[in-house]
Each structure stands twice: as structure tokens, then as C-alpha cells.
C-alpha atoms as a PDB file:
ATOM      1  CA  MET A   1      30.830 -38.959 -17.268  1.00  0.00           C
ATOM      2  CA  GLU A   2      32.841 -35.874 -18.181  1.00  0.00           C
ATOM      3  CA  PRO A   3      36.599 -35.898 -17.394  1.00  0.00           C
ATOM      4  CA  PHE A   4      36.282 -33.113 -14.785  1.00  0.00           C
ATOM      5  CA  ALA A   5      33.485 -34.959 -13.014  1.00  0.00           C
ATOM      6  CA  ASP A   6      35.650 -38.113 -13.047  1.00  0.00           C
ATOM      7  CA  VAL A   7      38.484 -36.258 -11.288  1.00  0.00           C
ATOM      8  CA  ILE A   8      36.142 -34.856  -8.632  1.00  0.00           C
ATOM      9  CA  THR A   9      34.680 -38.328  -8.066  1.00  0.00           C
ATOM     10  CA  LEU A  10      38.169 -39.825  -7.631  1.00  0.00           C
ATOM     11  CA  LEU A  11      39.055 -37.153  -5.059  1.00  0.00           C
ATOM     12  CA  ARG A  12      35.957 -38.036  -3.002  1.00  0.00           C
ATOM     13  CA  PRO A  13      35.571 -34.518  -1.581  1.00  0.00           C
ATOM     14  CA  ARG A  14      33.442 -33.964   1.480  1.00  0.00           C
ATOM     15  CA  ALA A  15      32.448 -30.751   3.140  1.00  0.00           C
ATOM     16  CA  ILE A  16      33.513 -30.479   6.772  1.00  0.00           C
ATOM     17  CA  GLY A  17      32.023 -27.013   6.918  1.00  0.00           C
ATOM     18  CA  THR A  18      30.874 -24.304   4.592  1.00  0.00           C
ATOM     19  CA  LYS A  19      31.194 -20.551   4.622  1.00  0.00           C
ATOM     20  CA  VAL A  20      29.741 -17.899   2.372  1.00  0.00           C
ATOM     21  CA  ILE A  21      32.115 -14.979   1.935  1.00  0.00           C
ATOM     22  CA  GLU A  22      30.391 -11.746   0.984  1.00  0.00           C
ATOM     23  CA  GLY A  23      32.168  -8.515   0.254  1.00  0.00           C
ATOM     24  CA  ALA A  24      31.308  -5.013  -0.879  1.00  0.00           C
ATOM     25  CA  GLY A  25      33.605  -2.155  -1.743  1.00  0.00           C
ATOM     26  CA  ARG A  26      37.318  -2.908  -1.471  1.00  0.00           C
ATOM     27  CA  TRP A  27      38.278  -5.975   0.571  1.00  0.00           C
ATOM     28  CA  ALA A  28      40.842  -8.765   0.839  1.00  0.00           C
ATOM     29  CA  VAL A  29      40.843 -11.769   3.171  1.00  0.00           C
ATOM     30  CA  ARG A  30      43.384 -14.528   3.704  1.00  0.00           C
ATOM     31  CA  ARG A  31      43.075 -18.106   4.875  1.00  0.00           C
ATOM     32  CA  SER A  32      46.288 -19.588   6.219  1.00  0.00           C
ATOM     33  CA  ARG A  33      47.615 -23.005   5.369  1.00  0.00           C
ATOM     34  CA  MET A  34      45.365 -25.896   6.310  1.00  0.00           C
ATOM     35  CA  ASN A  35      45.612 -29.617   5.830  1.00  0.00           C
ATOM     36  CA  LEU A  36      42.272 -29.664   4.067  1.00  0.00           C
ATOM     37  CA  ALA A  37      41.439 -29.086   0.432  1.00  0.00           C
ATOM     38  CA  GLY A  38      38.967 -26.323  -0.267  1.00  0.00           C
ATOM     39  CA  PHE A  39      36.591 -25.424  -3.026  1.00  0.00           C
ATOM     40  CA  GLY A  40      34.581 -22.400  -3.973  1.00  0.00           C
ATOM     41  CA  LEU A  41      32.027 -21.101  -6.397  1.00  0.00           C
ATOM     42  CA  VAL A  42      31.594 -17.441  -7.330  1.00  0.00           C
ATOM     43  CA  LEU A  43      27.860 -16.781  -7.077  1.00  0.00           C
ATOM     44  CA  ILE A  44      27.831 -13.104  -8.087  1.00  0.00           C
ATOM     45  CA  GLY A  45      30.375 -10.473  -9.056  1.00  0.00           C
ATOM     46  CA  GLU A  46      34.105 -10.964  -9.477  1.00  0.00           C
ATOM     47  CA  CYS A  47      37.179 -11.382  -7.282  1.00  0.00           C
ATOM     48  CA  TRP A  48      40.847 -12.326  -7.347  1.00  0.00           C
ATOM     49  CA  LEU A  49      42.164 -15.619  -5.986  1.00  0.00           C
ATOM     50  CA  THR A  50      45.853 -15.841  -5.102  1.00  0.00           C
ATOM     51  CA  VAL A  51      47.057 -19.265  -3.957  1.00  0.00           C
ATOM     52  CA  ASP A  52      50.457 -19.181  -2.228  1.00  0.00           C
ATOM     53  CA  GLY A  53      53.223 -19.631  -4.786  1.00  0.00           C
ATOM     54  CA  HIS A  54      50.995 -18.844  -7.789  1.00  0.00           C
ATOM     55  CA  LYS A  55      49.975 -15.759  -9.767  1.00  0.00           C
ATOM     56  CA  PRO A  56      46.564 -14.171  -9.049  1.00  0.00           C
ATOM     57  CA  VAL A  57      43.612 -15.474 -11.055  1.00  0.00           C
ATOM     58  CA  ARG A  58      40.513 -13.373 -11.807  1.00  0.00           C
ATOM     59  CA  LEU A  59      37.294 -15.226 -10.984  1.00  0.00           C
ATOM     60  CA  ALA A  60      33.807 -14.284 -12.147  1.00  0.00           C
ATOM     61  CA  LYS A  61      30.238 -15.470 -11.607  1.00  0.00           C
ATOM     62  CA  GLY A  62      29.988 -19.208 -12.273  1.00  0.00           C
ATOM     63  CA  ASP A  63      33.701 -19.965 -11.784  1.00  0.00           C
ATOM     64  CA  PHE A  64      34.490 -22.998  -9.619  1.00  0.00           C
ATOM     65  CA  VAL A  65      37.869 -23.528  -7.921  1.00  0.00           C
ATOM     66  CA  LEU A  66      39.381 -26.508  -6.160  1.00  0.00           C
ATOM     67  CA  VAL A  67      42.320 -25.640  -3.880  1.00  0.00           C
ATOM     68  CA  PRO A  68      44.484 -28.571  -2.774  1.00  0.00           C
ATOM     69  CA  ALA A  69      45.369 -29.141   0.874  1.00  0.00           C
ATOM     70  CA  ASP A  70      48.113 -27.091   2.490  1.00  0.00           C
ATOM     71  CA  PRO A  71      48.510 -23.805   0.595  1.00  0.00           C
ATOM     72  CA  GLY A  72      47.151 -20.615   2.037  1.00  0.00           C
ATOM     73  CA  PHE A  73      45.198 -18.323  -0.240  1.00  0.00           C
ATOM     74  CA  THR A  74      43.844 -14.794  -0.504  1.00  0.00           C
ATOM     75  CA  ILE A  75      40.538 -13.693  -1.998  1.00  0.00           C
ATOM     76  CA  ALA A  76      40.252 -10.002  -2.879  1.00  0.00           C
ATOM     77  CA  SER A  77      38.146  -7.507  -4.732  1.00  0.00           C
ATOM     78  CA  ASP A  78      41.268  -5.445  -5.434  1.00  0.00           C
ATOM     79  CA  LEU A  79      44.869  -6.723  -5.482  1.00  0.00           C
ATOM     80  CA  ALA A  80      46.073  -3.372  -4.069  1.00  0.00           C
ATOM     81  CA  CYS A  81      43.895  -3.717  -0.955  1.00  0.00           C
ATOM     82  CA  GLU A  82      45.525  -4.499   2.396  1.00  0.00           C
ATOM     83  CA  VAL A  83      44.961  -8.154   3.257  1.00  0.00           C
ATOM     84  CA  VAL A  84      43.295  -9.112   6.543  1.00  0.00           C
ATOM     85  CA  SER A  85      43.689 -12.648   7.916  1.00  0.00           C
ATOM     86  CA  ILE A  86      40.437 -14.244   9.002  1.00  0.00           C
ATOM     87  CA  ASP A  87      39.374 -17.472  10.622  1.00  0.00           C
ATOM     88  CA  MET A  88      36.498 -17.759   8.158  1.00  0.00           C
ATOM     89  CA  GLU A  89      34.036 -16.396  10.735  1.00  0.00           C
ATOM     90  CA  GLY A  90      33.315 -13.324   8.624  1.00  0.00           C
ATOM     91  CA  ALA A  91      34.599 -10.956   5.987  1.00  0.00           C
ATOM     92  CA  LEU A  92      36.389  -7.703   6.726  1.00  0.00           C
ATOM     93  CA  HIS A  93      36.748  -4.513   4.728  1.00  0.00           C
ATOM     94  CA  CYS A  94      39.972  -2.608   4.212  1.00  0.00           C
END
């Protein structure tokens, strides 16, 4: 098994729920701190991921991210866009 797959296996992730986030134009959404780890996969296009306490990272189609429990994060098409907090029920435009 590959090292990355070994790490994922050791973490024993499970999905409590899933949400597809779709955006067009300029947008930015924020998820507040939670006690659950999160993961994501960019299916099309590009976006920025900013995890609290870390510099923004540009993500593109095919990129996979694993966010540990606790930190909040922002996903945005444009870092200059006003951020809107969401409860993961839908995406909002700025």
C-alpha cells in the first residue's frame, strides 16, 4: 500500500454527511470550527483553501485535502471576495 493510503487507513475516516459546494463567478464561503475532520476533492475548476492559522493554498481539479478536526476554513474563488459564513446548506455569491 502507498504511504498516503496507509495514513488514511490509520485515521479510519468516515463520512457523517457530504456536501457538494458549487460556485460560479466570485464567491467565498466559510465553515466555522467543528470537532470533526473534513475532506474534499476539487472536481472541476480551481479555488483557494484557507485553513485558520495557515496561508491560503490554491487547489485545482483533482486535488484532495484532508482538514483535521477543529480549525475553521474558507473556500473561495477569489481571495479578495467578501466571505460569507454558511452552515453547509448551500453556497452564496458575493
